[in-house]
Amino acid sequence: MDELFFDIQHLTHSYQDGTIALNDLSLSIKKGKKIALLGNNGAGKSTLFQHLNGILQPSSGEIYFKGYRMEYGRKSLLKLREQVGIVFQDPDSQLFSGTVKQDISFGPINLGWSKEKVVEQVNWAMQETEVNPLQQKPIHFLSLGQKKRVAIAGVLAMDPDVFILDEPSAGLDAYYSKQIMSLLNTIHKPHKTIILSTHDVHFAYEWADEIIVMSAGQILYHGDPVSVFKQPNLLSKAHLEKPWIFETVEQLQQNGILAIDAPFPRNREQLFQQFKADITVK
């Protein structure tokens, strides 16, 4: 049986102005998964993320992390945030130290690690995110793409079990977006879970083990990345389009070029391989 990291039960969150951002939401998040969270603006994605890190407290409902009910005392939150790291959409809300290396070092130092371990983790995180050449550069001199990689490195250096990223590619051009997504594949490990929100259905379809679709503070779908795009009513309600690979395969199947019962390829390479295999058979 897969180990659960989060078990969320009937979570509701109301802001002071009366806005209900999460409405009786229940969700389980397993260990070792790559999860993409889809939904239009205002769906509740960022609010959900802030609950997973203990930044917000539920108006009602409960959250369990690794089998224990989430508590909101200072000691409990420090322990939680050692294991659940979050990278915000706007890196300027997260980066505050003078230089890149100082900022990445802040988290590990505050975990009380030895100097040797801090140095080891910071150097590893900088190498993984390819910000080594920037380590002595002042934060305010960085581009948006560089700031996002530094923010990721700061969380990565703390080696959390759950890595949460709120719109990691937002505001980036195609080059930096591809760089960020390649990094996520590099840092994912079988004993860790990565959860990210994105408006990029093409990336979500290719990258994720599981897709969660949210609308109006509720979960519309939680499952594999193929089945969701076979549900036109759900896609319409969540204002989502189909990935181009998915649409291409549907057209090829309808025209008899690909077998109807063939598995849906998840990326360009799989599509080309399947197309070649079907052509060879015919």
Protein backbone atom coordinates (compact mmCIF):
# COMPACT_ATOMS: atom_id res chain seq x y z
CA MET A 1 0.00 0.00 0.00
CA ASP A 2 1.34 3.42 -0.97
CA GLU A 3 2.42 5.60 1.94
CA LEU A 4 0.40 8.79 2.42
CA PHE A 5 2.13 12.09 3.00
CA PHE A 6 -1.07 14.15 3.28
CA ASP A 7 -4.60 13.11 4.20
CA ILE A 8 -6.89 16.14 3.92
CA GLN A 9 -10.40 15.77 5.29
CA HIS A 10 -13.26 18.22 4.59
CA LEU A 11 -10.97 21.25 4.41
CA THR A 12 -12.72 24.62 4.19
CA HIS A 13 -11.03 28.01 4.19
CA SER A 14 -12.86 31.34 4.32
CA TYR A 15 -10.99 34.63 4.08
CA GLN A 16 -11.96 37.64 6.20
CA ASP A 17 -13.88 39.22 3.32
CA GLY A 18 -16.14 36.16 3.20
CA THR A 19 -14.52 34.55 0.16
CA ILE A 20 -14.64 30.75 0.42
CA ALA A 21 -11.36 29.69 -1.20
CA LEU A 22 -11.61 25.99 -0.26
CA ASN A 23 -14.97 24.29 0.13
CA ASP A 24 -15.18 20.93 1.95
CA LEU A 25 -12.13 19.63 0.11
CA SER A 26 -10.83 16.10 0.73
CA LEU A 27 -7.62 14.82 -0.84
CA SER A 28 -4.87 12.23 -0.33
CA ILE A 29 -1.31 12.84 -1.50
CA LYS A 30 1.02 9.85 -1.70
CA LYS A 31 4.74 9.51 -1.25
CA GLY A 32 6.95 9.53 -4.34
CA LYS A 33 4.49 11.18 -6.75
CA LYS A 34 4.85 13.96 -9.31
CA ILE A 35 1.56 15.85 -9.11
CA ALA A 36 0.34 18.70 -11.31
CA LEU A 37 -2.46 20.90 -10.00
CA LEU A 38 -4.60 22.51 -12.72
CA GLY A 39 -7.33 25.10 -12.44
CA ASN A 40 -8.26 28.61 -13.46
CA ASN A 41 -7.28 31.67 -11.43
CA GLY A 42 -9.26 31.73 -8.20
CA ALA A 43 -9.72 27.96 -8.12
CA GLY A 44 -8.01 27.75 -4.72
CA LYS A 45 -4.64 26.29 -5.74
CA SER A 46 -2.43 28.75 -3.85
CA THR A 47 -4.68 28.60 -0.78
CA LEU A 48 -4.38 24.81 -0.74
CA PHE A 49 -0.59 25.03 -1.01
CA GLN A 50 -0.40 27.43 1.93
CA HIS A 51 -2.37 24.94 4.02
CA LEU A 52 0.05 22.13 3.18
CA ASN A 53 2.92 24.22 4.56
CA GLY A 54 0.99 25.46 7.60
CA ILE A 55 0.98 29.09 6.49
CA LEU A 56 -2.83 29.11 6.68
CA GLN A 57 -5.08 27.33 9.17
CA PRO A 58 -8.37 25.70 8.17
CA SER A 59 -11.67 27.39 8.89
CA SER A 60 -12.90 23.83 9.33
CA GLY A 61 -11.67 20.34 8.52
CA GLU A 62 -8.38 18.63 9.30
CA ILE A 63 -5.04 17.90 7.63
CA TYR A 64 -2.88 14.92 8.53
CA PHE A 65 0.79 14.77 7.56
CA LYS A 66 2.48 11.36 7.78
CA GLY A 67 -0.41 10.14 9.90
CA TYR A 68 -0.32 12.96 12.45
CA ARG A 69 -2.88 15.75 12.71
CA MET A 70 -1.33 19.04 11.72
CA GLU A 71 -0.75 21.37 14.67
CA TYR A 72 -0.02 25.10 14.49
CA GLY A 73 2.25 25.79 17.42
CA ARG A 74 5.70 27.19 16.63
CA LYS A 75 7.55 23.94 17.32
CA SER A 76 5.11 21.87 15.24
CA LEU A 77 5.29 24.28 12.30
CA LEU A 78 9.10 24.32 12.32
CA LYS A 79 9.11 20.53 12.17
CA LEU A 80 6.53 20.54 9.36
CA ARG A 81 8.48 23.07 7.28
CA GLU A 82 11.63 21.00 7.56
CA GLN A 83 9.74 18.34 5.62
CA VAL A 84 7.43 20.42 3.40
CA GLY A 85 9.11 23.15 1.35
CA ILE A 86 7.25 25.70 -0.75
CA VAL A 87 8.42 27.92 -3.61
CA PHE A 88 6.09 30.85 -4.19
CA GLN A 89 5.06 32.15 -7.59
CA ASP A 90 6.80 35.49 -6.99
CA PRO A 91 10.42 34.83 -5.98
CA ASP A 92 10.77 38.38 -4.62
CA SER A 93 8.46 37.38 -1.76
CA GLN A 94 10.91 34.64 -0.82
CA LEU A 95 14.41 36.01 -1.50
CA PHE A 96 15.75 38.54 1.00
CA SER A 97 19.47 37.93 1.69
CA GLY A 98 22.26 39.95 0.13
CA THR A 99 23.73 37.36 -2.20
CA VAL A 100 22.59 34.15 -3.85
CA LYS A 101 24.70 31.91 -1.63
CA GLN A 102 23.59 33.69 1.56
CA ASP A 103 19.95 33.24 0.61
CA ILE A 104 20.28 29.55 -0.21
CA SER A 105 22.18 29.02 3.06
CA PHE A 106 19.51 30.65 5.23
CA GLY A 107 17.18 27.62 5.48
CA PRO A 108 19.83 24.96 6.19
CA ILE A 109 21.50 27.17 8.81
CA ASN A 110 18.18 27.61 10.62
CA LEU A 111 17.65 23.86 10.67
CA GLY A 112 20.57 23.69 13.09
CA TRP A 113 22.76 21.52 10.88
CA SER A 114 26.53 21.38 11.26
CA LYS A 115 28.58 23.84 9.21
CA GLU A 116 29.87 20.97 7.10
CA LYS A 117 26.37 19.72 6.27
CA VAL A 118 25.15 23.23 5.46
CA VAL A 119 28.04 23.76 3.04
CA GLU A 120 27.47 20.36 1.45
CA GLN A 121 23.73 20.90 0.97
CA VAL A 122 24.09 24.46 -0.33
CA ASN A 123 26.77 23.46 -2.84
CA TRP A 124 24.65 20.52 -4.00
CA ALA A 125 21.53 22.68 -4.40
CA MET A 126 23.46 25.32 -6.35
CA GLN A 127 24.88 22.64 -8.63
CA GLU A 128 21.46 21.04 -9.23
CA THR A 129 19.88 24.39 -10.10
CA GLU A 130 22.93 25.61 -12.06
CA VAL A 131 23.30 28.82 -10.05
CA ASN A 132 26.93 28.23 -9.03
CA PRO A 133 28.19 31.06 -11.26
CA LEU A 134 25.73 33.42 -9.53
CA GLN A 135 26.53 32.55 -5.92
CA GLN A 136 28.20 35.89 -5.02
CA LYS A 137 25.80 37.99 -7.08
CA PRO A 138 23.35 40.33 -5.28
CA ILE A 139 19.76 39.06 -5.49
CA HIS A 140 18.43 42.31 -6.97
CA PHE A 141 20.72 41.95 -10.01
CA LEU A 142 19.16 38.64 -11.08
CA SER A 143 16.64 38.06 -13.86
CA LEU A 144 13.25 36.53 -13.07
CA GLY A 145 14.37 33.11 -14.31
CA GLN A 146 17.51 33.28 -12.18
CA LYS A 147 15.53 34.34 -9.12
CA LYS A 148 13.17 31.39 -9.57
CA ARG A 149 16.09 28.97 -9.72
CA VAL A 150 17.61 30.53 -6.58
CA ALA A 151 14.27 30.24 -4.75
CA ILE A 152 14.09 26.57 -5.77
CA ALA A 153 17.68 26.05 -4.62
CA GLY A 154 16.88 27.56 -1.22
CA VAL A 155 14.13 25.01 -0.63
CA LEU A 156 16.06 22.16 -2.26
CA ALA A 157 19.02 22.73 0.08
CA MET A 158 16.73 21.90 3.02
CA ASP A 159 16.05 18.48 1.46
CA PRO A 160 12.28 18.36 2.17
CA ASP A 161 10.17 15.25 1.63
CA VAL A 162 7.47 17.31 -0.12
CA PHE A 163 8.43 20.00 -2.62
CA ILE A 164 5.63 22.46 -3.50
CA LEU A 165 5.94 24.93 -6.37
CA ASP A 166 3.32 27.56 -7.14
CA GLU A 167 3.41 28.33 -10.89
CA PRO A 168 7.18 27.74 -11.29
CA SER A 169 7.18 28.72 -14.98
CA ALA A 170 4.89 31.78 -14.69
CA GLY A 171 6.39 34.85 -16.36
CA LEU A 172 9.25 32.94 -17.95
CA ASP A 173 10.07 32.62 -21.62
CA ALA A 174 10.21 29.20 -23.29
CA TYR A 175 13.94 28.72 -22.57
CA TYR A 176 13.71 29.32 -18.82
CA SER A 177 10.44 27.38 -18.55
CA LYS A 178 12.09 24.36 -20.13
CA GLN A 179 15.07 24.78 -17.79
CA ILE A 180 12.83 24.81 -14.70
CA MET A 181 10.90 21.76 -15.85
CA SER A 182 14.09 19.83 -16.62
CA LEU A 183 15.28 20.66 -13.11
CA LEU A 184 12.12 19.17 -11.58
CA ASN A 185 12.76 15.87 -13.35
CA THR A 186 16.33 15.90 -12.04
CA ILE A 187 15.45 16.49 -8.40
CA HIS A 188 12.53 14.07 -8.17
CA LYS A 189 13.29 10.92 -6.18
CA PRO A 190 11.12 7.85 -5.36
CA HIS A 191 10.90 8.81 -1.68
CA LYS A 192 9.90 12.42 -2.33
CA THR A 193 6.79 14.09 -3.72
CA ILE A 194 6.70 17.15 -5.97
CA ILE A 195 3.45 19.10 -6.25
CA LEU A 196 3.19 22.06 -8.60
CA SER A 197 0.46 24.27 -9.94
CA THR A 198 0.55 25.26 -13.59
CA HIS A 199 -1.59 26.59 -16.42
CA ASP A 200 0.52 24.60 -18.89
CA VAL A 201 -1.59 21.52 -19.67
CA HIS A 202 1.05 20.28 -22.13
CA PHE A 203 3.67 20.10 -19.39
CA ALA A 204 1.24 18.61 -16.85
CA TYR A 205 0.25 15.86 -19.28
CA GLU A 206 3.84 14.95 -20.08
CA TRP A 207 5.41 15.29 -16.63
CA ALA A 208 2.90 14.30 -13.95
CA ASP A 209 2.09 10.90 -12.45
CA GLU A 210 -1.19 12.37 -11.23
CA ILE A 211 -3.26 15.39 -12.15
CA ILE A 212 -5.55 17.26 -9.78
CA VAL A 213 -8.12 19.63 -11.26
CA MET A 214 -9.62 22.32 -9.01
CA SER A 215 -12.51 24.72 -9.52
CA ALA A 216 -14.20 27.02 -7.02
CA GLY A 217 -12.29 25.54 -4.10
CA GLN A 218 -13.21 21.94 -4.85
CA ILE A 219 -11.54 18.92 -6.45
CA LEU A 220 -13.11 18.04 -9.80
CA TYR A 221 -10.62 15.31 -10.67
CA HIS A 222 -7.70 13.45 -9.14
CA GLY A 223 -6.18 10.65 -11.16
CA ASP A 224 -4.01 9.68 -14.10
CA PRO A 225 -2.99 12.26 -16.74
CA VAL A 226 -4.84 10.56 -19.62
CA SER A 227 -8.37 9.98 -18.30
CA VAL A 228 -8.92 13.62 -17.37
CA PHE A 229 -8.58 14.78 -20.99
CA LYS A 230 -11.23 12.29 -22.12
CA GLN A 231 -13.86 14.18 -20.11
CA PRO A 232 -15.09 17.18 -22.15
CA ASN A 233 -17.63 18.32 -19.56
CA LEU A 234 -14.98 18.44 -16.85
CA LEU A 235 -12.54 20.29 -19.12
CA SER A 236 -15.21 22.84 -19.98
CA LYS A 237 -16.10 23.42 -16.33
CA ALA A 238 -12.43 23.89 -15.39
CA HIS A 239 -11.65 26.00 -18.51
CA LEU A 240 -8.94 23.60 -19.63
CA GLU A 241 -7.79 22.70 -23.13
CA LYS A 242 -6.45 19.35 -24.25
CA PRO A 243 -2.67 18.97 -24.69
CA TRP A 244 -1.58 19.13 -28.33
CA ILE A 245 -0.19 15.56 -28.18
CA PHE A 246 -3.52 14.27 -26.89
CA GLU A 247 -5.49 16.07 -29.62
CA THR A 248 -3.07 14.85 -32.28
CA VAL A 249 -3.47 11.22 -31.20
CA GLU A 250 -7.27 11.55 -31.17
CA GLN A 251 -7.21 12.85 -34.75
CA LEU A 252 -4.83 10.11 -35.90
CA GLN A 253 -7.06 7.47 -34.28
CA GLN A 254 -10.22 8.90 -35.85
CA ASN A 255 -8.55 8.80 -39.28
CA GLY A 256 -7.41 5.21 -38.82
CA ILE A 257 -3.72 6.09 -38.75
CA LEU A 258 -3.22 4.96 -35.14
CA ALA A 259 -5.00 2.06 -33.46
CA ILE A 260 -8.02 3.09 -31.38
CA ASP A 261 -7.02 0.84 -28.49
CA ALA A 262 -3.36 1.96 -28.44
CA PRO A 263 -2.14 3.66 -25.24
CA PHE A 264 -1.95 7.43 -25.42
CA PRO A 265 1.65 8.66 -25.74
CA ARG A 266 2.63 11.25 -23.14
CA ASN A 267 5.39 13.07 -25.01
CA ARG A 268 6.72 13.80 -28.49
CA GLU A 269 9.16 10.88 -28.51
CA GLN A 270 6.48 8.35 -27.51
CA LEU A 271 4.16 9.73 -30.19
CA PHE A 272 6.78 9.35 -32.91
CA GLN A 273 7.64 5.82 -31.75
CA GLN A 274 3.98 4.76 -31.74
CA PHE A 275 3.36 6.34 -35.12
CA LYS A 276 6.38 4.55 -36.57
CA ALA A 277 5.30 1.22 -35.01
CA ASP A 278 1.76 1.47 -36.38
CA ILE A 279 2.97 2.43 -39.86
CA THR A 280 5.42 -0.50 -39.83
CA VAL A 281 2.64 -2.97 -38.90
CA LYS A 282 0.40 -1.69 -41.68
